[in-house]
Amino acid sequence: RRRDQNPDLGVALWNAYGVMTILYQEIIAIYPLLNP
């Protein structure tokens, strides 16, 4: 919701320890729900 507030939030997310891994986990976790 707040993603437009900080132009460097993308850099902060990328560089923060473990945060990108969490985003990847969130994505991969729903693979089993795709088919069926």
PDB file of all heavy atoms in Angstrom:
ATOM      1  N   ARG A   1       0.835  -1.204   0.000  1.00  0.00           N
ATOM      2  CA  ARG A   1       0.000   0.000   0.000  1.00  0.00           C
ATOM      3  C   ARG A   1       0.871   1.257   0.000  1.00  0.00           C
ATOM      4  O   ARG A   1       0.520   2.282  -0.603  1.00  0.00           O
ATOM      5  CB  ARG A   1      -0.916  -0.003   1.223  1.00  0.00           C
ATOM      6  CG  ARG A   1      -1.979   1.089   1.216  1.00  0.00           C
ATOM      7  CD  ARG A   1      -2.857   1.020   2.442  1.00  0.00           C
ATOM      8  NE  ARG A   1      -2.143   1.392   3.653  1.00  0.00           N
ATOM      9  CZ  ARG A   1      -1.909   2.655   4.033  1.00  0.00           C
ATOM     10  NH1 ARG A   1      -2.316   3.665   3.282  1.00  0.00           N
ATOM     11  NH2 ARG A   1      -1.277   2.906   5.158  1.00  0.00           N
ATOM     12  N   ARG A   2       2.017   1.202   0.674  1.00  0.00           N
ATOM     13  CA  ARG A   2       2.876   2.372   0.814  1.00  0.00           C
ATOM     14  C   ARG A   2       4.006   2.424  -0.226  1.00  0.00           C
ATOM     15  O   ARG A   2       4.936   3.217  -0.093  1.00  0.00           O
ATOM     16  CB  ARG A   2       3.524   2.379   2.210  1.00  0.00           C
ATOM     17  CG  ARG A   2       2.550   2.481   3.360  1.00  0.00           C
ATOM     18  CD  ARG A   2       3.343   2.618   4.644  1.00  0.00           C
ATOM     19  NE  ARG A   2       2.484   2.666   5.817  1.00  0.00           N
ATOM     20  CZ  ARG A   2       2.875   3.138   6.994  1.00  0.00           C
ATOM     21  NH1 ARG A   2       4.113   3.599   7.131  1.00  0.00           N
ATOM     22  NH2 ARG A   2       2.063   3.142   8.025  1.00  0.00           N
ATOM     23  N   ARG A   3       3.935   1.576  -1.238  1.00  0.00           N
ATOM     24  CA  ARG A   3       5.097   1.410  -2.115  1.00  0.00           C
ATOM     25  C   ARG A   3       5.467   2.670  -2.904  1.00  0.00           C
ATOM     26  O   ARG A   3       6.584   2.779  -3.406  1.00  0.00           O
ATOM     27  CB  ARG A   3       4.899   0.236  -3.078  1.00  0.00           C
ATOM     28  CG  ARG A   3       3.742   0.356  -4.049  1.00  0.00           C
ATOM     29  CD  ARG A   3       3.556  -0.968  -4.795  1.00  0.00           C
ATOM     30  NE  ARG A   3       2.496  -0.923  -5.767  1.00  0.00           N
ATOM     31  CZ  ARG A   3       1.225  -1.177  -5.501  1.00  0.00           C
ATOM     32  NH1 ARG A   3       0.863  -1.487  -4.254  1.00  0.00           N
ATOM     33  NH2 ARG A   3       0.308  -1.132  -6.454  1.00  0.00           N
ATOM     34  N   ASP A   4       4.548   3.619  -3.015  1.00  0.00           N
ATOM     35  CA  ASP A   4       4.865   4.852  -3.738  1.00  0.00           C
ATOM     36  C   ASP A   4       5.487   5.919  -2.836  1.00  0.00           C
ATOM     37  O   ASP A   4       5.867   6.990  -3.315  1.00  0.00           O
ATOM     38  CB  ASP A   4       3.607   5.424  -4.400  1.00  0.00           C
ATOM     39  CG  ASP A   4       3.063   4.521  -5.495  1.00  0.00           C
ATOM     40  OD1 ASP A   4       3.879   3.821  -6.118  1.00  0.00           O
ATOM     41  OD2 ASP A   4       1.840   4.505  -5.707  1.00  0.00           O
ATOM     42  N   GLN A   5       5.610   5.634  -1.555  1.00  0.00           N
ATOM     43  CA  GLN A   5       6.107   6.655  -0.620  1.00  0.00           C
ATOM     44  C   GLN A   5       7.618   6.812  -0.671  1.00  0.00           C
ATOM     45  O   GLN A   5       8.147   7.857  -0.313  1.00  0.00           O
ATOM     46  CB  GLN A   5       5.680   6.308   0.816  1.00  0.00           C
ATOM     47  CG  GLN A   5       4.205   6.470   1.081  1.00  0.00           C
ATOM     48  CD  GLN A   5       3.853   6.205   2.539  1.00  0.00           C
ATOM     49  OE1 GLN A   5       4.737   6.002   3.372  1.00  0.00           O
ATOM     50  NE2 GLN A   5       2.569   6.210   2.845  1.00  0.00           N
ATOM     51  N   ASN A   6       8.314   5.759  -1.054  1.00  0.00           N
ATOM     52  CA  ASN A   6       9.773   5.787  -1.011  1.00  0.00           C
ATOM     53  C   ASN A   6      10.349   5.279  -2.321  1.00  0.00           C
ATOM     54  O   ASN A   6      10.203   4.104  -2.644  1.00  0.00           O
ATOM     55  CB  ASN A   6      10.270   4.926   0.154  1.00  0.00           C
ATOM     56  CG  ASN A   6      11.766   5.046   0.383  1.00  0.00           C
ATOM     57  OD1 ASN A   6      12.529   5.285  -0.559  1.00  0.00           O
ATOM     58  ND2 ASN A   6      12.192   4.889   1.623  1.00  0.00           N
ATOM     59  N   PRO A   7      11.009   6.135  -3.111  1.00  0.00           N
ATOM     60  CA  PRO A   7      11.508   5.707  -4.423  1.00  0.00           C
ATOM     61  C   PRO A   7      12.610   4.655  -4.334  1.00  0.00           C
ATOM     62  O   PRO A   7      12.898   3.982  -5.319  1.00  0.00           O
ATOM     63  CB  PRO A   7      12.036   7.008  -5.040  1.00  0.00           C
ATOM     64  CG  PRO A   7      12.362   7.887  -3.860  1.00  0.00           C
ATOM     65  CD  PRO A   7      11.347   7.542  -2.810  1.00  0.00           C
ATOM     66  N   ASP A   8      13.221   4.524  -3.157  1.00  0.00           N
ATOM     67  CA  ASP A   8      14.313   3.558  -3.000  1.00  0.00           C
ATOM     68  C   ASP A   8      13.891   2.321  -2.220  1.00  0.00           C
ATOM     69  O   ASP A   8      14.739   1.534  -1.783  1.00  0.00           O
ATOM     70  CB  ASP A   8      15.509   4.221  -2.302  1.00  0.00           C
ATOM     71  CG  ASP A   8      16.174   5.265  -3.194  1.00  0.00           C
ATOM     72  OD1 ASP A   8      16.196   5.052  -4.424  1.00  0.00           O
ATOM     73  OD2 ASP A   8      16.650   6.278  -2.670  1.00  0.00           O
ATOM     74  N   LEU A   9      12.597   2.123  -2.055  1.00  0.00           N
ATOM     75  CA  LEU A   9      12.145   0.950  -1.312  1.00  0.00           C
ATOM     76  C   LEU A   9      12.578  -0.337  -2.005  1.00  0.00           C
ATOM     77  O   LEU A   9      12.929  -1.326  -1.352  1.00  0.00           O
ATOM     78  CB  LEU A   9      10.616   0.990  -1.135  1.00  0.00           C
ATOM     79  CG  LEU A   9       9.991  -0.181  -0.363  1.00  0.00           C
ATOM     80  CD1 LEU A   9      10.622  -0.340   1.012  1.00  0.00           C
ATOM     81  CD2 LEU A   9       8.474   0.002  -0.232  1.00  0.00           C
ATOM     82  N   GLY A  10      12.564  -0.348  -3.352  1.00  0.00           N
ATOM     83  CA  GLY A  10      13.003  -1.540  -4.085  1.00  0.00           C
ATOM     84  C   GLY A  10      14.440  -1.915  -3.761  1.00  0.00           C
ATOM     85  O   GLY A  10      14.767  -3.091  -3.582  1.00  0.00           O
ATOM     86  N   VAL A  11      15.313  -0.896  -3.647  1.00  0.00           N
ATOM     87  CA  VAL A  11      16.722  -1.140  -3.302  1.00  0.00           C
ATOM     88  C   VAL A  11      16.817  -1.669  -1.878  1.00  0.00           C
ATOM     89  O   VAL A  11      17.586  -2.604  -1.590  1.00  0.00           O
ATOM     90  CB  VAL A  11      17.552   0.155  -3.443  1.00  0.00           C
ATOM     91  CG1 VAL A  11      19.001  -0.085  -3.048  1.00  0.00           C
ATOM     92  CG2 VAL A  11      17.484   0.673  -4.866  1.00  0.00           C
ATOM     93  N   ALA A  12      16.044  -1.080  -0.973  1.00  0.00           N
ATOM     94  CA  ALA A  12      16.066  -1.516   0.423  1.00  0.00           C
ATOM     95  C   ALA A  12      15.589  -2.973   0.545  1.00  0.00           C
ATOM     96  O   ALA A  12      16.184  -3.765   1.286  1.00  0.00           O
ATOM     97  CB  ALA A  12      15.180  -0.596   1.265  1.00  0.00           C
ATOM     98  N   LEU A  13      14.556  -3.320  -0.180  1.00  0.00           N
ATOM     99  CA  LEU A  13      14.063  -4.701  -0.157  1.00  0.00           C
ATOM    100  C   LEU A  13      15.119  -5.668  -0.667  1.00  0.00           C
ATOM    101  O   LEU A  13      15.327  -6.750  -0.107  1.00  0.00           O
ATOM    102  CB  LEU A  13      12.797  -4.824  -1.022  1.00  0.00           C
ATOM    103  CG  LEU A  13      11.543  -4.116  -0.519  1.00  0.00           C
ATOM    104  CD1 LEU A  13      10.484  -4.065  -1.623  1.00  0.00           C
ATOM    105  CD2 LEU A  13      10.975  -4.816   0.714  1.00  0.00           C
ATOM    106  N   TRP A  14      15.793  -5.278  -1.766  1.00  0.00           N
ATOM    107  CA  TRP A  14      16.802  -6.152  -2.369  1.00  0.00           C
ATOM    108  C   TRP A  14      17.995  -6.368  -1.436  1.00  0.00           C
ATOM    109  O   TRP A  14      18.525  -7.470  -1.331  1.00  0.00           O
ATOM    110  CB  TRP A  14      17.270  -5.558  -3.692  1.00  0.00           C
ATOM    111  CG  TRP A  14      18.304  -6.400  -4.391  1.00  0.00           C
ATOM    112  CD1 TRP A  14      19.655  -6.224  -4.370  1.00  0.00           C
ATOM    113  CD2 TRP A  14      18.063  -7.564  -5.179  1.00  0.00           C
ATOM    114  NE1 TRP A  14      20.285  -7.199  -5.109  1.00  0.00           N
ATOM    115  CE2 TRP A  14      19.324  -8.039  -5.616  1.00  0.00           C
ATOM    116  CE3 TRP A  14      16.912  -8.248  -5.564  1.00  0.00           C
ATOM    117  CZ2 TRP A  14      19.457  -9.164  -6.421  1.00  0.00           C
ATOM    118  CZ3 TRP A  14      17.044  -9.376  -6.368  1.00  0.00           C
ATOM    119  CH2 TRP A  14      18.303  -9.829  -6.783  1.00  0.00           C
ATOM    120  N   ASN A  15      18.405  -5.302  -0.744  1.00  0.00           N
ATOM    121  CA  ASN A  15      19.617  -5.357   0.072  1.00  0.00           C
ATOM    122  C   ASN A  15      19.395  -5.830   1.506  1.00  0.00           C
ATOM    123  O   ASN A  15      20.345  -6.211   2.182  1.00  0.00           O
ATOM    124  CB  ASN A  15      20.299  -3.981   0.098  1.00  0.00           C
ATOM    125  CG  ASN A  15      20.909  -3.617  -1.245  1.00  0.00           C
ATOM    126  OD1 ASN A  15      21.437  -4.475  -1.946  1.00  0.00           O
ATOM    127  ND2 ASN A  15      20.829  -2.350  -1.622  1.00  0.00           N
ATOM    128  N   ALA A  16      18.145  -5.793   1.967  1.00  0.00           N
ATOM    129  CA  ALA A  16      17.871  -6.208   3.346  1.00  0.00           C
ATOM    130  C   ALA A  16      18.018  -7.727   3.475  1.00  0.00           C
ATOM    131  O   ALA A  16      17.428  -8.484   2.702  1.00  0.00           O
ATOM    132  CB  ALA A  16      16.462  -5.773   3.749  1.00  0.00           C
ATOM    133  N   TYR A  17      18.784  -8.147   4.447  1.00  0.00           N
ATOM    134  CA  TYR A  17      19.073  -9.567   4.627  1.00  0.00           C
ATOM    135  C   TYR A  17      17.785 -10.387   4.776  1.00  0.00           C
ATOM    136  O   TYR A  17      16.958 -10.113   5.646  1.00  0.00           O
ATOM    137  CB  TYR A  17      19.949  -9.770   5.864  1.00  0.00           C
ATOM    138  CG  TYR A  17      20.247 -11.214   6.157  1.00  0.00           C
ATOM    139  CD1 TYR A  17      21.229 -11.894   5.446  1.00  0.00           C
ATOM    140  CD2 TYR A  17      19.518 -11.907   7.123  1.00  0.00           C
ATOM    141  CE1 TYR A  17      21.503 -13.225   5.696  1.00  0.00           C
ATOM    142  CE2 TYR A  17      19.784 -13.245   7.377  1.00  0.00           C
ATOM    143  CZ  TYR A  17      20.775 -13.903   6.666  1.00  0.00           C
ATOM    144  OH  TYR A  17      21.027 -15.218   6.910  1.00  0.00           O
ATOM    145  N   GLY A  18      17.609 -11.359   3.894  1.00  0.00           N
ATOM    146  CA  GLY A  18      16.520 -12.314   4.021  1.00  0.00           C
ATOM    147  C   GLY A  18      15.182 -11.900   3.439  1.00  0.00           C
ATOM    148  O   GLY A  18      14.292 -12.741   3.284  1.00  0.00           O
ATOM    149  N   VAL A  19      15.020 -10.608   3.108  1.00  0.00           N
ATOM    150  CA  VAL A  19      13.702 -10.128   2.662  1.00  0.00           C
ATOM    151  C   VAL A  19      13.325 -10.712   1.301  1.00  0.00           C
ATOM    152  O   VAL A  19      12.184 -11.169   1.104  1.00  0.00           O
ATOM    153  CB  VAL A  19      13.664  -8.588   2.625  1.00  0.00           C
ATOM    154  CG1 VAL A  19      12.429  -8.095   1.866  1.00  0.00           C
ATOM    155  CG2 VAL A  19      13.647  -8.028   4.040  1.00  0.00           C
ATOM    156  N   MET A  20      14.250 -10.740   0.351  1.00  0.00           N
ATOM    157  CA  MET A  20      13.928 -11.287  -0.965  1.00  0.00           C
ATOM    158  C   MET A  20      13.616 -12.780  -0.867  1.00  0.00           C
ATOM    159  O   MET A  20      12.717 -13.277  -1.564  1.00  0.00           O
ATOM    160  CB  MET A  20      15.083 -11.046  -1.944  1.00  0.00           C
ATOM    161  CG  MET A  20      15.301  -9.584  -2.313  1.00  0.00           C
ATOM    162  SD  MET A  20      13.842  -8.752  -2.994  1.00  0.00           S
ATOM    163  CE  MET A  20      13.601  -9.673  -4.508  1.00  0.00           C
ATOM    164  N   THR A  21      14.309 -13.481   0.012  1.00  0.00           N
ATOM    165  CA  THR A  21      14.016 -14.912   0.209  1.00  0.00           C
ATOM    166  C   THR A  21      12.583 -15.103   0.687  1.00  0.00           C
ATOM    167  O   THR A  21      11.892 -16.030   0.255  1.00  0.00           O
ATOM    168  CB  THR A  21      15.005 -15.516   1.229  1.00  0.00           C
ATOM    169  OG1 THR A  21      16.329 -15.359   0.732  1.00  0.00           O
ATOM    170  CG2 THR A  21      14.722 -16.987   1.456  1.00  0.00           C
ATOM    171  N   ILE A  22      12.128 -14.199   1.559  1.00  0.00           N
ATOM    172  CA  ILE A  22      10.744 -14.269   2.039  1.00  0.00           C
ATOM    173  C   ILE A  22       9.767 -14.063   0.883  1.00  0.00           C
ATOM    174  O   ILE A  22       8.768 -14.787   0.747  1.00  0.00           O
ATOM    175  CB  ILE A  22      10.511 -13.223   3.147  1.00  0.00           C
ATOM    176  CG1 ILE A  22      11.227 -13.660   4.422  1.00  0.00           C
ATOM    177  CG2 ILE A  22       9.011 -13.024   3.413  1.00  0.00           C
ATOM    178  CD1 ILE A  22      11.262 -12.598   5.500  1.00  0.00           C
ATOM    179  N   LEU A  23      10.058 -13.087   0.018  1.00  0.00           N
ATOM    180  CA  LEU A  23       9.174 -12.845  -1.130  1.00  0.00           C
ATOM    181  C   LEU A  23       9.150 -14.061  -2.059  1.00  0.00           C
ATOM    182  O   LEU A  23       8.088 -14.452  -2.555  1.00  0.00           O
ATOM    183  CB  LEU A  23       9.625 -11.598  -1.897  1.00  0.00           C
ATOM    184  CG  LEU A  23       9.554 -10.264  -1.145  1.00  0.00           C
ATOM    185  CD1 LEU A  23       9.958  -9.113  -2.063  1.00  0.00           C
ATOM    186  CD2 LEU A  23       8.163 -10.019  -0.573  1.00  0.00           C
ATOM    187  N   TYR A  24      10.316 -14.672  -2.284  1.00  0.00           N
ATOM    188  CA  TYR A  24      10.367 -15.880  -3.129  1.00  0.00           C
ATOM    189  C   TYR A  24       9.540 -16.999  -2.496  1.00  0.00           C
ATOM    190  O   TYR A  24       8.809 -17.719  -3.189  1.00  0.00           O
ATOM    191  CB  TYR A  24      11.809 -16.362  -3.323  1.00  0.00           C
ATOM    192  CG  TYR A  24      12.759 -15.356  -3.913  1.00  0.00           C
ATOM    193  CD1 TYR A  24      14.124 -15.434  -3.649  1.00  0.00           C
ATOM    194  CD2 TYR A  24      12.309 -14.315  -4.733  1.00  0.00           C
ATOM    195  CE1 TYR A  24      15.023 -14.511  -4.179  1.00  0.00           C
ATOM    196  CE2 TYR A  24      13.194 -13.396  -5.263  1.00  0.00           C
ATOM    197  CZ  TYR A  24      14.552 -13.491  -4.981  1.00  0.00           C
ATOM    198  OH  TYR A  24      15.435 -12.583  -5.507  1.00  0.00           O
ATOM    199  N   GLN A  25       9.660 -17.155  -1.184  1.00  0.00           N
ATOM    200  CA  GLN A  25       8.907 -18.208  -0.493  1.00  0.00           C
ATOM    201  C   GLN A  25       7.405 -17.991  -0.627  1.00  0.00           C
ATOM    202  O   GLN A  25       6.640 -18.946  -0.816  1.00  0.00           O
ATOM    203  CB  GLN A  25       9.299 -18.240   0.986  1.00  0.00           C
ATOM    204  CG  GLN A  25      10.684 -18.803   1.257  1.00  0.00           C
ATOM    205  CD  GLN A  25      11.121 -18.633   2.697  1.00  0.00           C
ATOM    206  OE1 GLN A  25      10.516 -17.867   3.457  1.00  0.00           O
ATOM    207  NE2 GLN A  25      12.177 -19.338   3.083  1.00  0.00           N
ATOM    208  N   GLU A  26       6.983 -16.726  -0.512  1.00  0.00           N
ATOM    209  CA  GLU A  26       5.563 -16.408  -0.664  1.00  0.00           C
ATOM    210  C   GLU A  26       5.058 -16.809  -2.054  1.00  0.00           C
ATOM    211  O   GLU A  26       3.941 -17.304  -2.212  1.00  0.00           O
ATOM    212  CB  GLU A  26       5.341 -14.907  -0.443  1.00  0.00           C
ATOM    213  CG  GLU A  26       5.482 -14.456   0.992  1.00  0.00           C
ATOM    214  CD  GLU A  26       4.331 -14.931   1.862  1.00  0.00           C
ATOM    215  OE1 GLU A  26       3.158 -14.737   1.476  1.00  0.00           O
ATOM    216  OE2 GLU A  26       4.604 -15.522   2.924  1.00  0.00           O
ATOM    217  N   ILE A  27       5.892 -16.587  -3.070  1.00  0.00           N
ATOM    218  CA  ILE A  27       5.516 -16.915  -4.451  1.00  0.00           C
ATOM    219  C   ILE A  27       5.454 -18.432  -4.656  1.00  0.00           C
ATOM    220  O   ILE A  27       4.461 -18.971  -5.147  1.00  0.00           O
ATOM    221  CB  ILE A  27       6.523 -16.264  -5.428  1.00  0.00           C
ATOM    222  CG1 ILE A  27       6.326 -14.744  -5.432  1.00  0.00           C
ATOM    223  CG2 ILE A  27       6.378 -16.835  -6.833  1.00  0.00           C
ATOM    224  CD1 ILE A  27       7.459 -13.973  -6.103  1.00  0.00           C
ATOM    225  N   ILE A  28       6.494 -19.107  -4.250  1.00  0.00           N
ATOM    226  CA  ILE A  28       6.598 -20.548  -4.481  1.00  0.00           C
ATOM    227  C   ILE A  28       5.558 -21.329  -3.688  1.00  0.00           C
ATOM    228  O   ILE A  28       5.071 -22.367  -4.138  1.00  0.00           O
ATOM    229  CB  ILE A  28       8.033 -21.024  -4.138  1.00  0.00           C
ATOM    230  CG1 ILE A  28       9.036 -20.431  -5.130  1.00  0.00           C
ATOM    231  CG2 ILE A  28       8.131 -22.541  -4.148  1.00  0.00           C
ATOM    232  CD1 ILE A  28      10.480 -20.568  -4.705  1.00  0.00           C
ATOM    233  N   ALA A  29       5.173 -20.791  -2.534  1.00  0.00           N
ATOM    234  CA  ALA A  29       4.252 -21.514  -1.645  1.00  0.00           C
ATOM    235  C   ALA A  29       2.903 -21.804  -2.283  1.00  0.00           C
ATOM    236  O   ALA A  29       2.221 -22.761  -1.900  1.00  0.00           O
ATOM    237  CB  ALA A  29       4.056 -20.710  -0.355  1.00  0.00           C
ATOM    238  N   ILE A  30       2.508 -20.985  -3.280  1.00  0.00           N
ATOM    239  CA  ILE A  30       1.169 -21.212  -3.844  1.00  0.00           C
ATOM    240  C   ILE A  30       1.206 -22.048  -5.126  1.00  0.00           C
ATOM    241  O   ILE A  30       0.147 -22.303  -5.717  1.00  0.00           O
ATOM    242  CB  ILE A  30       0.410 -19.886  -4.090  1.00  0.00           C
ATOM    243  CG1 ILE A  30       1.031 -19.092  -5.237  1.00  0.00           C
ATOM    244  CG2 ILE A  30       0.325 -19.061  -2.830  1.00  0.00           C
ATOM    245  CD1 ILE A  30       0.082 -18.057  -5.802  1.00  0.00           C
ATOM    246  N   TYR A  31       2.372 -22.509  -5.547  1.00  0.00           N
ATOM    247  CA  TYR A  31       2.432 -23.363  -6.736  1.00  0.00           C
ATOM    248  C   TYR A  31       1.457 -24.543  -6.658  1.00  0.00           C
ATOM    249  O   TYR A  31       0.778 -24.847  -7.649  1.00  0.00           O
ATOM    250  CB  TYR A  31       3.854 -23.884  -6.968  1.00  0.00           C
ATOM    251  CG  TYR A  31       4.842 -22.882  -7.532  1.00  0.00           C
ATOM    252  CD1 TYR A  31       6.175 -23.229  -7.707  1.00  0.00           C
ATOM    253  CD2 TYR A  31       4.466 -21.592  -7.890  1.00  0.00           C
ATOM    254  CE1 TYR A  31       7.103 -22.329  -8.221  1.00  0.00           C
ATOM    255  CE2 TYR A  31       5.380 -20.685  -8.402  1.00  0.00           C
ATOM    256  CZ  TYR A  31       6.708 -21.059  -8.567  1.00  0.00           C
ATOM    257  OH  TYR A  31       7.614 -20.179  -9.085  1.00  0.00           O
ATOM    258  N   PRO A  32       1.368 -25.228  -5.515  1.00  0.00           N
ATOM    259  CA  PRO A  32       0.454 -26.388  -5.450  1.00  0.00           C
ATOM    260  C   PRO A  32      -1.022 -26.025  -5.636  1.00  0.00           C
ATOM    261  O   PRO A  32      -1.847 -26.899  -5.902  1.00  0.00           O
ATOM    262  CB  PRO A  32       0.701 -26.961  -4.047  1.00  0.00           C
ATOM    263  CG  PRO A  32       2.050 -26.461  -3.660  1.00  0.00           C
ATOM    264  CD  PRO A  32       2.163 -25.107  -4.278  1.00  0.00           C
ATOM    265  N   LEU A  33      -1.352 -24.740  -5.498  1.00  0.00           N
ATOM    266  CA  LEU A  33      -2.751 -24.315  -5.620  1.00  0.00           C
ATOM    267  C   LEU A  33      -3.133 -23.943  -7.049  1.00  0.00           C
ATOM    268  O   LEU A  33      -4.282 -23.604  -7.318  1.00  0.00           O
ATOM    269  CB  LEU A  33      -3.012 -23.105  -4.706  1.00  0.00           C
ATOM    270  CG  LEU A  33      -2.665 -23.279  -3.229  1.00  0.00           C
ATOM    271  CD1 LEU A  33      -2.939 -21.997  -2.465  1.00  0.00           C
ATOM    272  CD2 LEU A  33      -3.452 -24.440  -2.630  1.00  0.00           C
ATOM    273  N   LEU A  34      -2.155 -24.007  -7.956  1.00  0.00           N
ATOM    274  CA  LEU A  34      -2.411 -23.579  -9.328  1.00  0.00           C
ATOM    275  C   LEU A  34      -3.100 -24.653 -10.151  1.00  0.00           C
ATOM    276  O   LEU A  34      -3.962 -24.362 -10.976  1.00  0.00           O
ATOM    277  CB  LEU A  34      -1.086 -23.162  -9.994  1.00  0.00           C
ATOM    278  CG  LEU A  34      -0.319 -22.024  -9.313  1.00  0.00           C
ATOM    279  CD1 LEU A  34       0.966 -21.735 -10.066  1.00  0.00           C
ATOM    280  CD2 LEU A  34      -1.179 -20.763  -9.207  1.00  0.00           C
ATOM    281  N   ASN A  35      -2.710 -25.891  -9.949  1.00  0.00           N
ATOM    282  CA  ASN A  35      -3.266 -26.991 -10.747  1.00  0.00           C
ATOM    283  C   ASN A  35      -3.309 -28.280  -9.918  1.00  0.00           C
ATOM    284  O   ASN A  35      -2.260 -28.796  -9.563  1.00  0.00           O
ATOM    285  CB  ASN A  35      -2.407 -27.211 -11.995  1.00  0.00           C
ATOM    286  CG  ASN A  35      -3.046 -28.169 -12.979  1.00  0.00           C
ATOM    287  OD1 ASN A  35      -4.260 -28.355 -12.962  1.00  0.00           O
ATOM    288  ND2 ASN A  35      -2.233 -28.800 -13.811  1.00  0.00           N
ATOM    289  N   PRO A  36      -4.533 -28.771  -9.614  1.00  0.00           N
ATOM    290  CA  PRO A  36      -5.841 -28.197  -9.985  1.00  0.00           C
ATOM    291  C   PRO A  36      -6.097 -26.888  -9.244  1.00  0.00           C
ATOM    292  O   PRO A  36      -5.573 -26.690  -8.147  1.00  0.00           O
ATOM    293  CB  PRO A  36      -6.837 -29.285  -9.541  1.00  0.00           C
ATOM    294  CG  PRO A  36      -6.133 -30.015  -8.445  1.00  0.00           C
ATOM    295  CD  PRO A  36      -4.684 -30.008  -8.810  1.00  0.00           C
TER     296      PRO A  36
END
